[in-house]
All heavy atoms as atom14 arrays in JSON, in Angstrom:
{
  "sequence": "ILPSHHNIDSIKDSKKLSEKKRQIVYNNIMDVADVSIGIVSNRTI",
  "atom14_mask": [
    [1, 1, 1, 1, 1, 1, 1, 1, 0, 0, 0, 0, 0, 0],
    [1, 1, 1, 1, 1, 1, 1, 1, 0, 0, 0, 0, 0, 0],
    [1, 1, 1, 1, 1, 1, 1, 0, 0, 0, 0, 0, 0, 0],
    [1, 1, 1, 1, 1, 1, 0, 0, 0, 0, 0, 0, 0, 0],
    [1, 1, 1, 1, 1, 1, 1, 1, 1, 1, 0, 0, 0, 0],
    [1, 1, 1, 1, 1, 1, 1, 1, 1, 1, 0, 0, 0, 0],
    [1, 1, 1, 1, 1, 1, 1, 1, 0, 0, 0, 0, 0, 0],
    [1, 1, 1, 1, 1, 1, 1, 1, 0, 0, 0, 0, 0, 0],
    [1, 1, 1, 1, 1, 1, 1, 1, 0, 0, 0, 0, 0, 0],
    [1, 1, 1, 1, 1, 1, 0, 0, 0, 0, 0, 0, 0, 0],
    [1, 1, 1, 1, 1, 1, 1, 1, 0, 0, 0, 0, 0, 0],
    [1, 1, 1, 1, 1, 1, 1, 1, 1, 0, 0, 0, 0, 0],
    [1, 1, 1, 1, 1, 1, 1, 1, 0, 0, 0, 0, 0, 0],
    [1, 1, 1, 1, 1, 1, 0, 0, 0, 0, 0, 0, 0, 0],
    [1, 1, 1, 1, 1, 1, 1, 1, 1, 0, 0, 0, 0, 0],
    [1, 1, 1, 1, 1, 1, 1, 1, 1, 0, 0, 0, 0, 0],
    [1, 1, 1, 1, 1, 1, 1, 1, 0, 0, 0, 0, 0, 0],
    [1, 1, 1, 1, 1, 1, 0, 0, 0, 0, 0, 0, 0, 0],
    [1, 1, 1, 1, 1, 1, 1, 1, 1, 0, 0, 0, 0, 0],
    [1, 1, 1, 1, 1, 1, 1, 1, 1, 0, 0, 0, 0, 0],
    [1, 1, 1, 1, 1, 1, 1, 1, 1, 0, 0, 0, 0, 0],
    [1, 1, 1, 1, 1, 1, 1, 1, 1, 1, 1, 0, 0, 0],
    [1, 1, 1, 1, 1, 1, 1, 1, 1, 0, 0, 0, 0, 0],
    [1, 1, 1, 1, 1, 1, 1, 1, 0, 0, 0, 0, 0, 0],
    [1, 1, 1, 1, 1, 1, 1, 0, 0, 0, 0, 0, 0, 0],
    [1, 1, 1, 1, 1, 1, 1, 1, 1, 1, 1, 1, 0, 0],
    [1, 1, 1, 1, 1, 1, 1, 1, 0, 0, 0, 0, 0, 0],
    [1, 1, 1, 1, 1, 1, 1, 1, 0, 0, 0, 0, 0, 0],
    [1, 1, 1, 1, 1, 1, 1, 1, 0, 0, 0, 0, 0, 0],
    [1, 1, 1, 1, 1, 1, 1, 1, 0, 0, 0, 0, 0, 0],
    [1, 1, 1, 1, 1, 1, 1, 1, 0, 0, 0, 0, 0, 0],
    [1, 1, 1, 1, 1, 1, 1, 0, 0, 0, 0, 0, 0, 0],
    [1, 1, 1, 1, 1, 0, 0, 0, 0, 0, 0, 0, 0, 0],
    [1, 1, 1, 1, 1, 1, 1, 1, 0, 0, 0, 0, 0, 0],
    [1, 1, 1, 1, 1, 1, 1, 0, 0, 0, 0, 0, 0, 0],
    [1, 1, 1, 1, 1, 1, 0, 0, 0, 0, 0, 0, 0, 0],
    [1, 1, 1, 1, 1, 1, 1, 1, 0, 0, 0, 0, 0, 0],
    [1, 1, 1, 1, 0, 0, 0, 0, 0, 0, 0, 0, 0, 0],
    [1, 1, 1, 1, 1, 1, 1, 1, 0, 0, 0, 0, 0, 0],
    [1, 1, 1, 1, 1, 1, 1, 0, 0, 0, 0, 0, 0, 0],
    [1, 1, 1, 1, 1, 1, 0, 0, 0, 0, 0, 0, 0, 0],
    [1, 1, 1, 1, 1, 1, 1, 1, 0, 0, 0, 0, 0, 0],
    [1, 1, 1, 1, 1, 1, 1, 1, 1, 1, 1, 0, 0, 0],
    [1, 1, 1, 1, 1, 1, 1, 0, 0, 0, 0, 0, 0, 0],
    [1, 1, 1, 1, 1, 1, 1, 1, 0, 0, 0, 0, 0, 0]
  ],
  "atom14_positions": [
    [[-66.71, -108.71, 213.16], [-66.36, -109.69, 212.01], [-67.7, -110.14, 211.29], [-68.46, -110.88, 211.92], [-65.59, -110.97, 212.46], [-64.3, -110.45, 213.11], [-65.27, -111.85, 211.22], [-63.49, -111.6, 213.72], [0.0, 0.0, 0.0], [0.0, 0.0, 0.0], [0.0, 0.0, 0.0], [0.0, 0.0, 0.0], [0.0, 0.0, 0.0], [0.0, 0.0, 0.0]],
    [[-67.89, -109.7, 210.07], [-69.22, -109.96, 209.34], [-68.96, -111.28, 208.61], [-67.82, -111.67, 208.18], [-69.44, -108.87, 208.45], [-69.92, -107.59, 208.95], [-70.0, -106.54, 207.74], [-71.29, -107.68, 209.51], [0.0, 0.0, 0.0], [0.0, 0.0, 0.0], [0.0, 0.0, 0.0], [0.0, 0.0, 0.0], [0.0, 0.0, 0.0], [0.0, 0.0, 0.0]],
    [[-69.98, -112.0, 208.44], [-69.95, -113.28, 207.6], [-69.6, -112.85, 206.19], [-69.88, -111.66, 205.76], [-71.42, -113.76, 207.57], [-72.01, -113.17, 208.85], [-71.34, -111.85, 209.04], [0.0, 0.0, 0.0], [0.0, 0.0, 0.0], [0.0, 0.0, 0.0], [0.0, 0.0, 0.0], [0.0, 0.0, 0.0], [0.0, 0.0, 0.0], [0.0, 0.0, 0.0]],
    [[-68.89, -113.76, 205.48], [-68.38, -113.31, 204.09], [-69.57, -113.02, 203.18], [-69.45, -112.14, 202.29], [-67.55, -114.51, 203.63], [-68.23, -115.72, 203.64], [0.0, 0.0, 0.0], [0.0, 0.0, 0.0], [0.0, 0.0, 0.0], [0.0, 0.0, 0.0], [0.0, 0.0, 0.0], [0.0, 0.0, 0.0], [0.0, 0.0, 0.0], [0.0, 0.0, 0.0]],
    [[-70.66, -113.66, 203.44], [-71.77, -113.42, 202.45], [-73.04, -113.01, 203.32], [-73.83, -114.02, 203.67], [-72.09, -114.64, 201.56], [-71.04, -115.04, 200.67], [-70.57, -114.28, 199.63], [-70.2, -116.11, 200.78], [-69.46, -114.85, 199.03], [-69.39, -116.0, 199.67], [0.0, 0.0, 0.0], [0.0, 0.0, 0.0], [0.0, 0.0, 0.0], [0.0, 0.0, 0.0]],
    [[-73.18, -111.81, 203.76], [-74.19, -111.41, 204.56], [-75.25, -110.67, 203.72], [-74.93, -110.08, 202.62], [-73.75, -110.5, 205.73], [-73.14, -109.22, 205.26], [-73.98, -108.07, 204.93], [-71.93, -108.71, 205.05], [-73.23, -107.18, 204.6], [-72.04, -107.39, 204.62], [0.0, 0.0, 0.0], [0.0, 0.0, 0.0], [0.0, 0.0, 0.0], [0.0, 0.0, 0.0]],
    [[-76.4, -110.64, 204.15], [-77.52, -109.99, 203.47], [-78.08, -108.75, 204.28], [-79.24, -108.41, 204.16], [-78.65, -110.87, 203.14], [-78.14, -112.04, 202.18], [-77.46, -111.72, 201.19], [-78.54, -113.29, 202.5], [0.0, 0.0, 0.0], [0.0, 0.0, 0.0], [0.0, 0.0, 0.0], [0.0, 0.0, 0.0], [0.0, 0.0, 0.0], [0.0, 0.0, 0.0]],
    [[-77.21, -108.12, 204.96], [-77.7, -106.99, 205.83], [-77.67, -105.72, 204.98], [-76.71, -105.24, 204.38], [-76.81, -106.79, 206.99], [-76.65, -108.14, 207.84], [-77.21, -105.63, 207.93], [-75.5, -107.99, 208.96], [0.0, 0.0, 0.0], [0.0, 0.0, 0.0], [0.0, 0.0, 0.0], [0.0, 0.0, 0.0], [0.0, 0.0, 0.0], [0.0, 0.0, 0.0]],
    [[-78.84, -105.16, 204.88], [-79.05, -103.9, 204.17], [-78.65, -102.69, 204.98], [-78.72, -102.63, 206.25], [-80.5, -103.66, 203.62], [-80.85, -104.79, 202.65], [-80.02, -105.14, 201.79], [-82.04, -105.17, 202.62], [0.0, 0.0, 0.0], [0.0, 0.0, 0.0], [0.0, 0.0, 0.0], [0.0, 0.0, 0.0], [0.0, 0.0, 0.0], [0.0, 0.0, 0.0]],
    [[-78.31, -101.54, 204.46], [-78.07, -100.3, 204.98], [-76.96, -100.22, 206.01], [-77.0, -99.46, 206.98], [-79.39, -99.77, 205.79], [-80.48, -99.75, 204.91], [0.0, 0.0, 0.0], [0.0, 0.0, 0.0], [0.0, 0.0, 0.0], [0.0, 0.0, 0.0], [0.0, 0.0, 0.0], [0.0, 0.0, 0.0], [0.0, 0.0, 0.0], [0.0, 0.0, 0.0]],
    [[-75.87, -101.04, 205.8], [-74.72, -100.83, 206.56], [-73.85, -99.79, 205.98], [-73.45, -99.86, 204.88], [-73.83, -102.15, 206.58], [-74.58, -103.34, 207.28], [-72.46, -101.9, 207.06], [-73.78, -104.62, 207.39], [0.0, 0.0, 0.0], [0.0, 0.0, 0.0], [0.0, 0.0, 0.0], [0.0, 0.0, 0.0], [0.0, 0.0, 0.0], [0.0, 0.0, 0.0]],
    [[-73.83, -98.79, 206.8], [-73.13, -97.51, 206.42], [-72.72, -96.77, 207.74], [-73.15, -97.16, 208.82], [-74.02, -96.6, 205.5], [-75.38, -96.13, 206.15], [-75.98, -95.23, 205.25], [-76.52, -96.0, 204.01], [-77.51, -95.06, 203.23], [0.0, 0.0, 0.0], [0.0, 0.0, 0.0], [0.0, 0.0, 0.0], [0.0, 0.0, 0.0], [0.0, 0.0, 0.0]],
    [[-72.01, -95.71, 207.62], [-71.6, -94.87, 208.78], [-72.9, -94.54, 209.59], [-73.91, -94.11, 209.04], [-71.04, -93.54, 208.17], [-70.63, -92.62, 209.41], [-70.75, -92.99, 210.51], [-70.2, -91.47, 209.05], [0.0, 0.0, 0.0], [0.0, 0.0, 0.0], [0.0, 0.0, 0.0], [0.0, 0.0, 0.0], [0.0, 0.0, 0.0], [0.0, 0.0, 0.0]],
    [[-72.8, -94.85, 210.97], [-74.0, -94.71, 211.8], [-74.49, -93.33, 211.71], [-75.76, -93.11, 211.97], [-73.55, -95.03, 213.21], [-72.55, -94.06, 213.77], [0.0, 0.0, 0.0], [0.0, 0.0, 0.0], [0.0, 0.0, 0.0], [0.0, 0.0, 0.0], [0.0, 0.0, 0.0], [0.0, 0.0, 0.0], [0.0, 0.0, 0.0], [0.0, 0.0, 0.0]],
    [[-73.76, -92.31, 211.45], [-74.26, -90.95, 211.48], [-75.08, -90.65, 210.31], [-75.86, -89.68, 210.29], [-73.02, -89.83, 211.46], [-72.13, -89.99, 212.73], [-71.08, -88.97, 212.68], [-69.95, -89.26, 211.68], [-69.2, -90.5, 211.96], [0.0, 0.0, 0.0], [0.0, 0.0, 0.0], [0.0, 0.0, 0.0], [0.0, 0.0, 0.0], [0.0, 0.0, 0.0]],
    [[-75.13, -91.53, 209.27], [-75.96, -91.39, 208.1], [-77.24, -92.15, 208.18], [-78.06, -92.21, 207.28], [-75.16, -91.79, 206.85], [-73.96, -90.85, 206.53], [-73.3, -91.33, 205.22], [-72.11, -90.41, 204.98], [-71.49, -90.79, 203.73], [0.0, 0.0, 0.0], [0.0, 0.0, 0.0], [0.0, 0.0, 0.0], [0.0, 0.0, 0.0], [0.0, 0.0, 0.0]],
    [[-77.48, -92.76, 209.34], [-78.72, -93.53, 209.61], [-79.58, -92.76, 210.6], [-79.05, -92.25, 211.57], [-78.42, -95.02, 210.02], [-77.64, -95.83, 209.02], [-77.23, -97.12, 209.77], [-78.47, -96.1, 207.82], [0.0, 0.0, 0.0], [0.0, 0.0, 0.0], [0.0, 0.0, 0.0], [0.0, 0.0, 0.0], [0.0, 0.0, 0.0], [0.0, 0.0, 0.0]],
    [[-80.9, -92.9, 210.5], [-81.79, -92.34, 211.52], [-81.72, -93.25, 212.76], [-81.19, -94.42, 212.62], [-83.21, -92.38, 211.05], [-83.7, -93.72, 210.77], [0.0, 0.0, 0.0], [0.0, 0.0, 0.0], [0.0, 0.0, 0.0], [0.0, 0.0, 0.0], [0.0, 0.0, 0.0], [0.0, 0.0, 0.0], [0.0, 0.0, 0.0], [0.0, 0.0, 0.0]],
    [[-82.1, -92.71, 213.8], [-82.01, -93.63, 215.02], [-82.83, -94.92, 214.96], [-82.31, -96.01, 215.33], [-82.66, -92.85, 216.28], [-82.53, -93.56, 217.61], [-83.04, -92.75, 218.85], [-83.44, -91.64, 218.65], [-83.1, -93.39, 219.87], [0.0, 0.0, 0.0], [0.0, 0.0, 0.0], [0.0, 0.0, 0.0], [0.0, 0.0, 0.0], [0.0, 0.0, 0.0]],
    [[-84.03, -94.82, 214.39], [-84.9, -96.04, 214.1], [-84.15, -97.01, 213.22], [-84.1, -98.28, 213.48], [-86.1, -95.6, 213.59], [-87.1, -96.83, 213.3], [-88.42, -96.27, 212.81], [-89.44, -97.46, 212.51], [-90.7, -96.97, 211.97], [0.0, 0.0, 0.0], [0.0, 0.0, 0.0], [0.0, 0.0, 0.0], [0.0, 0.0, 0.0], [0.0, 0.0, 0.0]],
    [[-83.57, -96.57, 212.22], [-82.83, -97.46, 211.22], [-81.58, -97.95, 211.89], [-81.29, -99.14, 211.69], [-82.4, -96.71, 209.93], [-81.97, -97.52, 208.86], [-83.01, -98.49, 208.34], [-82.52, -99.26, 207.1], [-83.57, -100.19, 206.64], [0.0, 0.0, 0.0], [0.0, 0.0, 0.0], [0.0, 0.0, 0.0], [0.0, 0.0, 0.0], [0.0, 0.0, 0.0]],
    [[-80.93, -97.27, 212.71], [-79.71, -97.8, 213.44], [-80.13, -99.03, 214.29], [-79.34, -99.87, 214.25], [-79.04, -96.7, 214.32], [-78.02, -95.77, 213.51], [-77.1, -95.0, 214.44], [-77.82, -94.34, 215.51], [-78.19, -93.07, 215.35], [-77.79, -92.41, 214.19], [-78.86, -92.39, 216.28], [0.0, 0.0, 0.0], [0.0, 0.0, 0.0], [0.0, 0.0, 0.0]],
    [[-81.28, -98.88, 214.87], [-81.63, -99.9, 215.77], [-81.9, -101.22, 215.06], [-81.59, -102.29, 215.45], [-82.98, -99.5, 216.6], [-82.78, -98.27, 217.43], [-81.98, -98.57, 218.8], [-81.86, -99.7, 219.08], [-81.65, -97.59, 219.55], [0.0, 0.0, 0.0], [0.0, 0.0, 0.0], [0.0, 0.0, 0.0], [0.0, 0.0, 0.0], [0.0, 0.0, 0.0]],
    [[-82.56, -101.07, 213.87], [-82.91, -102.14, 213.08], [-81.58, -102.95, 212.57], [-81.48, -104.08, 212.68], [-83.76, -101.78, 211.81], [-85.13, -101.37, 212.35], [-83.97, -102.98, 210.86], [-86.01, -100.78, 211.3], [0.0, 0.0, 0.0], [0.0, 0.0, 0.0], [0.0, 0.0, 0.0], [0.0, 0.0, 0.0], [0.0, 0.0, 0.0], [0.0, 0.0, 0.0]],
    [[-80.66, -102.05, 212.02], [-79.42, -102.61, 211.4], [-78.53, -103.15, 212.55], [-77.95, -104.28, 212.41], [-78.57, -101.48, 210.73], [-77.32, -102.16, 210.15], [-79.53, -100.95, 209.59], [0.0, 0.0, 0.0], [0.0, 0.0, 0.0], [0.0, 0.0, 0.0], [0.0, 0.0, 0.0], [0.0, 0.0, 0.0], [0.0, 0.0, 0.0], [0.0, 0.0, 0.0]],
    [[-78.52, -102.52, 213.73], [-77.92, -103.05, 214.99], [-78.37, -104.55, 215.18], [-77.49, -105.43, 215.45], [-78.1, -102.13, 216.12], [-77.65, -102.59, 217.37], [-76.44, -102.26, 217.97], [-78.32, -103.5, 218.32], [-75.96, -102.72, 219.21], [-77.93, -103.99, 219.46], [-76.72, -103.52, 219.97], [-76.23, -103.93, 221.12], [0.0, 0.0, 0.0], [0.0, 0.0, 0.0]],
    [[-79.66, -104.7, 215.36], [-80.15, -106.08, 215.61], [-79.8, -107.05, 214.55], [-79.36, -108.15, 214.75], [-81.64, -106.01, 215.7], [-82.12, -105.24, 217.0], [-81.32, -105.17, 218.02], [-83.31, -104.58, 216.99], [0.0, 0.0, 0.0], [0.0, 0.0, 0.0], [0.0, 0.0, 0.0], [0.0, 0.0, 0.0], [0.0, 0.0, 0.0], [0.0, 0.0, 0.0]],
    [[-79.87, -106.62, 213.2], [-79.5, -107.55, 212.16], [-78.01, -107.93, 212.25], [-77.6, -109.12, 211.96], [-79.74, -106.85, 210.8], [-81.24, -106.71, 210.57], [-82.07, -107.39, 211.16], [-81.64, -105.77, 209.74], [0.0, 0.0, 0.0], [0.0, 0.0, 0.0], [0.0, 0.0, 0.0], [0.0, 0.0, 0.0], [0.0, 0.0, 0.0], [0.0, 0.0, 0.0]],
    [[-77.16, -106.93, 212.64], [-75.7, -107.27, 212.7], [-75.46, -108.23, 213.88], [-74.72, -109.17, 213.75], [-74.89, -106.03, 212.91], [-74.93, -105.09, 211.79], [-73.36, -106.38, 213.36], [-74.44, -103.67, 211.88], [0.0, 0.0, 0.0], [0.0, 0.0, 0.0], [0.0, 0.0, 0.0], [0.0, 0.0, 0.0], [0.0, 0.0, 0.0], [0.0, 0.0, 0.0]],
    [[-76.12, -107.97, 215.05], [-75.95, -108.79, 216.26], [-76.39, -110.29, 215.94], [-75.79, -111.21, 216.58], [-76.65, -108.2, 217.36], [-76.17, -106.82, 217.86], [-74.49, -106.94, 218.53], [-74.77, -107.98, 220.05], [0.0, 0.0, 0.0], [0.0, 0.0, 0.0], [0.0, 0.0, 0.0], [0.0, 0.0, 0.0], [0.0, 0.0, 0.0], [0.0, 0.0, 0.0]],
    [[-77.28, -110.44, 214.98], [-77.87, -111.75, 214.76], [-76.99, -112.64, 214.07], [-76.83, -113.9, 214.23], [-79.25, -111.65, 213.92], [-80.3, -111.24, 214.74], [-80.33, -111.3, 216.07], [-81.38, -110.68, 214.08], [0.0, 0.0, 0.0], [0.0, 0.0, 0.0], [0.0, 0.0, 0.0], [0.0, 0.0, 0.0], [0.0, 0.0, 0.0], [0.0, 0.0, 0.0]],
    [[-76.02, -112.13, 213.27], [-75.19, -112.87, 212.36], [-73.66, -112.72, 212.41], [-72.88, -113.52, 212.01], [-75.51, -112.64, 210.83], [-77.05, -112.98, 210.59], [-75.18, -111.22, 210.5], [0.0, 0.0, 0.0], [0.0, 0.0, 0.0], [0.0, 0.0, 0.0], [0.0, 0.0, 0.0], [0.0, 0.0, 0.0], [0.0, 0.0, 0.0], [0.0, 0.0, 0.0]],
    [[-73.2, -111.66, 213.1], [-71.82, -111.34, 213.18], [-71.16, -111.66, 214.48], [-71.85, -111.94, 215.55], [-71.61, -109.82, 212.93], [0.0, 0.0, 0.0], [0.0, 0.0, 0.0], [0.0, 0.0, 0.0], [0.0, 0.0, 0.0], [0.0, 0.0, 0.0], [0.0, 0.0, 0.0], [0.0, 0.0, 0.0], [0.0, 0.0, 0.0], [0.0, 0.0, 0.0]],
    [[-69.8, -111.78, 214.58], [-69.01, -112.0, 215.74], [-68.83, -110.45, 216.17], [-68.16, -109.68, 215.52], [-67.76, -112.64, 215.36], [-66.87, -112.86, 216.58], [-67.32, -112.46, 217.72], [-65.78, -113.51, 216.43], [0.0, 0.0, 0.0], [0.0, 0.0, 0.0], [0.0, 0.0, 0.0], [0.0, 0.0, 0.0], [0.0, 0.0, 0.0], [0.0, 0.0, 0.0]],
    [[-69.41, -110.1, 217.31], [-69.27, -108.8, 217.86], [-68.82, -108.75, 219.25], [-69.09, -109.46, 220.14], [-70.79, -108.11, 217.76], [-70.72, -106.71, 218.34], [-71.33, -108.07, 216.31], [0.0, 0.0, 0.0], [0.0, 0.0, 0.0], [0.0, 0.0, 0.0], [0.0, 0.0, 0.0], [0.0, 0.0, 0.0], [0.0, 0.0, 0.0], [0.0, 0.0, 0.0]],
    [[-67.95, -107.79, 219.51], [-67.49, -107.48, 220.76], [-67.42, -106.02, 221.04], [-67.15, -105.18, 220.21], [-66.0, -108.08, 220.98], [-65.58, -107.79, 222.32], [0.0, 0.0, 0.0], [0.0, 0.0, 0.0], [0.0, 0.0, 0.0], [0.0, 0.0, 0.0], [0.0, 0.0, 0.0], [0.0, 0.0, 0.0], [0.0, 0.0, 0.0], [0.0, 0.0, 0.0]],
    [[-67.62, -105.61, 222.35], [-67.62, -104.14, 222.66], [-66.64, -103.87, 223.87], [-66.6, -104.68, 224.78], [-69.06, -103.74, 223.21], [-70.06, -103.89, 222.02], [-69.05, -102.34, 223.69], [-71.51, -103.69, 222.35], [0.0, 0.0, 0.0], [0.0, 0.0, 0.0], [0.0, 0.0, 0.0], [0.0, 0.0, 0.0], [0.0, 0.0, 0.0], [0.0, 0.0, 0.0]],
    [[-65.86, -102.79, 223.74], [-64.92, -102.38, 224.67], [-65.41, -101.04, 225.19], [-65.71, -100.16, 224.49], [0.0, 0.0, 0.0], [0.0, 0.0, 0.0], [0.0, 0.0, 0.0], [0.0, 0.0, 0.0], [0.0, 0.0, 0.0], [0.0, 0.0, 0.0], [0.0, 0.0, 0.0], [0.0, 0.0, 0.0], [0.0, 0.0, 0.0], [0.0, 0.0, 0.0]],
    [[-65.29, -100.9, 226.53], [-65.8, -99.58, 227.16], [-64.69, -99.16, 228.22], [-64.11, -99.89, 228.88], [-67.06, -99.84, 228.06], [-68.25, -100.35, 227.14], [-67.48, -98.57, 228.7], [-69.47, -100.77, 227.88], [0.0, 0.0, 0.0], [0.0, 0.0, 0.0], [0.0, 0.0, 0.0], [0.0, 0.0, 0.0], [0.0, 0.0, 0.0], [0.0, 0.0, 0.0]],
    [[-64.4, -97.83, 228.02], [-63.42, -97.18, 228.97], [-64.1, -95.98, 229.59], [-64.75, -95.04, 228.99], [-62.2, -96.71, 228.28], [-61.36, -95.89, 229.08], [-61.42, -97.92, 227.61], [0.0, 0.0, 0.0], [0.0, 0.0, 0.0], [0.0, 0.0, 0.0], [0.0, 0.0, 0.0], [0.0, 0.0, 0.0], [0.0, 0.0, 0.0], [0.0, 0.0, 0.0]],
    [[-64.19, -95.96, 230.97], [-64.9, -95.03, 231.72], [-64.34, -93.62, 231.64], [-63.17, -93.34, 231.19], [-65.02, -95.44, 233.13], [-63.67, -95.24, 233.84], [0.0, 0.0, 0.0], [0.0, 0.0, 0.0], [0.0, 0.0, 0.0], [0.0, 0.0, 0.0], [0.0, 0.0, 0.0], [0.0, 0.0, 0.0], [0.0, 0.0, 0.0], [0.0, 0.0, 0.0]],
    [[-65.18, -92.71, 232.04], [-64.73, -91.29, 232.05], [-63.57, -91.15, 233.04], [-62.71, -90.2, 232.82], [-65.95, -90.31, 232.35], [-66.47, -90.52, 233.86], [-66.91, -91.62, 234.23], [-66.24, -89.56, 234.69], [0.0, 0.0, 0.0], [0.0, 0.0, 0.0], [0.0, 0.0, 0.0], [0.0, 0.0, 0.0], [0.0, 0.0, 0.0], [0.0, 0.0, 0.0]],
    [[-63.54, -91.87, 234.06], [-62.48, -91.7, 235.07], [-61.03, -92.03, 234.41], [-60.12, -91.42, 234.54], [-62.59, -92.54, 236.31], [-63.8, -92.05, 237.18], [-64.11, -92.83, 238.41], [-65.0, -92.34, 239.29], [-64.81, -91.37, 240.24], [-63.58, -90.93, 240.5], [-65.79, -90.89, 241.02], [0.0, 0.0, 0.0], [0.0, 0.0, 0.0], [0.0, 0.0, 0.0]],
    [[-61.14, -93.09, 233.69], [-59.95, -93.49, 232.96], [-59.55, -92.48, 231.81], [-58.44, -92.23, 231.68], [-60.12, -94.97, 232.3], [-60.43, -95.93, 233.4], [-58.82, -95.4, 231.59], [0.0, 0.0, 0.0], [0.0, 0.0, 0.0], [0.0, 0.0, 0.0], [0.0, 0.0, 0.0], [0.0, 0.0, 0.0], [0.0, 0.0, 0.0], [0.0, 0.0, 0.0]],
    [[-60.52, -91.99, 231.28], [-60.26, -91.01, 230.27], [-59.54, -89.8, 230.79], [-58.58, -89.29, 230.2], [-61.53, -90.5, 229.52], [-62.28, -91.61, 228.75], [-61.38, -89.21, 228.74], [-63.61, -91.31, 228.2], [0.0, 0.0, 0.0], [0.0, 0.0, 0.0], [0.0, 0.0, 0.0], [0.0, 0.0, 0.0], [0.0, 0.0, 0.0], [0.0, 0.0, 0.0]]
  ]
}
């Protein structure tokens, strides 16, 4: 959930960003957004 008025540059499909750029944008998102991650293991898959 992003803030209504965020100033994060380069938010786009992750596949269109270099690894270095993804890391930067990742940190910027984590700083201001409500973020949650769900993981399902290979065994469950």
